[in-house]
Amino acid sequence: MPELPEVETIRRGLAEKVLHKTIERVEVRCSRIILHPQPPELERALAHQTIKE
């Protein structure tokens, strides 16, 4: 599905900076907006993951 042009522009810009980088840690600052998984689970699941396309 083609993306909106402005969304694709942002995606490309972010890809240049973060693609293939490793997430060191995650901190959920507003836990009310994260319903599932619970914020501590999300933080653990994302930490040390590599960003892929």
C-alpha atoms as a PDB file:
ATOM      1  CA  MET A   1       0.000   0.000   0.000  1.00  0.00           C
ATOM      2  CA  PRO A   2       1.517   3.351  -0.962  1.00  0.00           C
ATOM      3  CA  GLU A   3       2.110   5.743   1.892  1.00  0.00           C
ATOM      4  CA  LEU A   4       1.208   9.396   1.980  1.00  0.00           C
ATOM      5  CA  PRO A   5       4.118  11.424   0.572  1.00  0.00           C
ATOM      6  CA  GLU A   6       4.787  13.276   3.833  1.00  0.00           C
ATOM      7  CA  VAL A   7       4.744  10.037   5.838  1.00  0.00           C
ATOM      8  CA  GLU A   8       7.190   8.460   3.408  1.00  0.00           C
ATOM      9  CA  THR A   9       9.478  11.497   3.696  1.00  0.00           C
ATOM     10  CA  ILE A  10       9.553  11.164   7.492  1.00  0.00           C
ATOM     11  CA  ARG A  11      10.110   7.398   7.231  1.00  0.00           C
ATOM     12  CA  ARG A  12      13.112   7.870   4.960  1.00  0.00           C
ATOM     13  CA  GLY A  13      14.595  10.554   7.189  1.00  0.00           C
ATOM     14  CA  LEU A  14      14.248   8.365  10.255  1.00  0.00           C
ATOM     15  CA  ALA A  15      15.629   5.331   8.438  1.00  0.00           C
ATOM     16  CA  GLU A  16      18.862   7.203   7.728  1.00  0.00           C
ATOM     17  CA  LYS A  17      19.310   7.830  11.447  1.00  0.00           C
ATOM     18  CA  VAL A  18      17.992   4.696  13.163  1.00  0.00           C
ATOM     19  CA  LEU A  19      17.995   1.750  10.763  1.00  0.00           C
ATOM     20  CA  HIS A  20      20.111  -1.138  12.104  1.00  0.00           C
ATOM     21  CA  LYS A  21      20.667   0.636  15.428  1.00  0.00           C
ATOM     22  CA  THR A  22      20.028  -1.081  18.746  1.00  0.00           C
ATOM     23  CA  ILE A  23      17.545   0.278  21.271  1.00  0.00           C
ATOM     24  CA  GLU A  24      19.438   0.613  24.543  1.00  0.00           C
ATOM     25  CA  ARG A  25      16.449   1.119  26.818  1.00  0.00           C
ATOM     26  CA  VAL A  26      12.826   2.237  26.760  1.00  0.00           C
ATOM     27  CA  GLU A  27      11.057   4.411  29.301  1.00  0.00           C
ATOM     28  CA  VAL A  28       7.271   4.743  29.189  1.00  0.00           C
ATOM     29  CA  ARG A  29       6.507   8.135  30.684  1.00  0.00           C
ATOM     30  CA  CYS A  30       2.727   8.123  30.348  1.00  0.00           C
ATOM     31  CA  SER A  31       1.546   4.609  31.115  1.00  0.00           C
ATOM     32  CA  ARG A  32      -2.128   5.526  30.641  1.00  0.00           C
ATOM     33  CA  ILE A  33      -1.741   5.441  26.858  1.00  0.00           C
ATOM     34  CA  ILE A  34      -0.215   1.946  26.752  1.00  0.00           C
ATOM     35  CA  LEU A  35      -2.858  -0.692  27.380  1.00  0.00           C
ATOM     36  CA  HIS A  36      -1.213  -3.851  26.105  1.00  0.00           C
ATOM     37  CA  PRO A  37       1.395  -4.965  26.794  1.00  0.00           C
ATOM     38  CA  GLN A  38       1.793  -3.381  30.191  1.00  0.00           C
ATOM     39  CA  PRO A  39       4.491  -0.669  30.210  1.00  0.00           C
ATOM     40  CA  PRO A  40       7.122  -2.731  32.076  1.00  0.00           C
ATOM     41  CA  GLU A  41       6.616  -5.600  29.623  1.00  0.00           C
ATOM     42  CA  LEU A  42       6.892  -3.233  26.663  1.00  0.00           C
ATOM     43  CA  GLU A  43      10.077  -1.697  28.046  1.00  0.00           C
ATOM     44  CA  ARG A  44      11.664  -5.131  28.491  1.00  0.00           C
ATOM     45  CA  ALA A  45      10.495  -6.366  25.079  1.00  0.00           C
ATOM     46  CA  LEU A  46      11.935  -3.399  23.168  1.00  0.00           C
ATOM     47  CA  ALA A  47      15.223  -3.027  25.023  1.00  0.00           C
ATOM     48  CA  HIS A  48      18.198  -4.427  23.090  1.00  0.00           C
ATOM     49  CA  GLN A  49      16.187  -4.909  19.885  1.00  0.00           C
ATOM     50  CA  THR A  50      17.593  -3.850  16.518  1.00  0.00           C
ATOM     51  CA  ILE A  51      15.543  -1.564  14.299  1.00  0.00           C
ATOM     52  CA  LYS A  52      14.798  -3.234  10.963  1.00  0.00           C
ATOM     53  CA  GLU A  53      12.901  -2.195   7.855  1.00  0.00           C
END
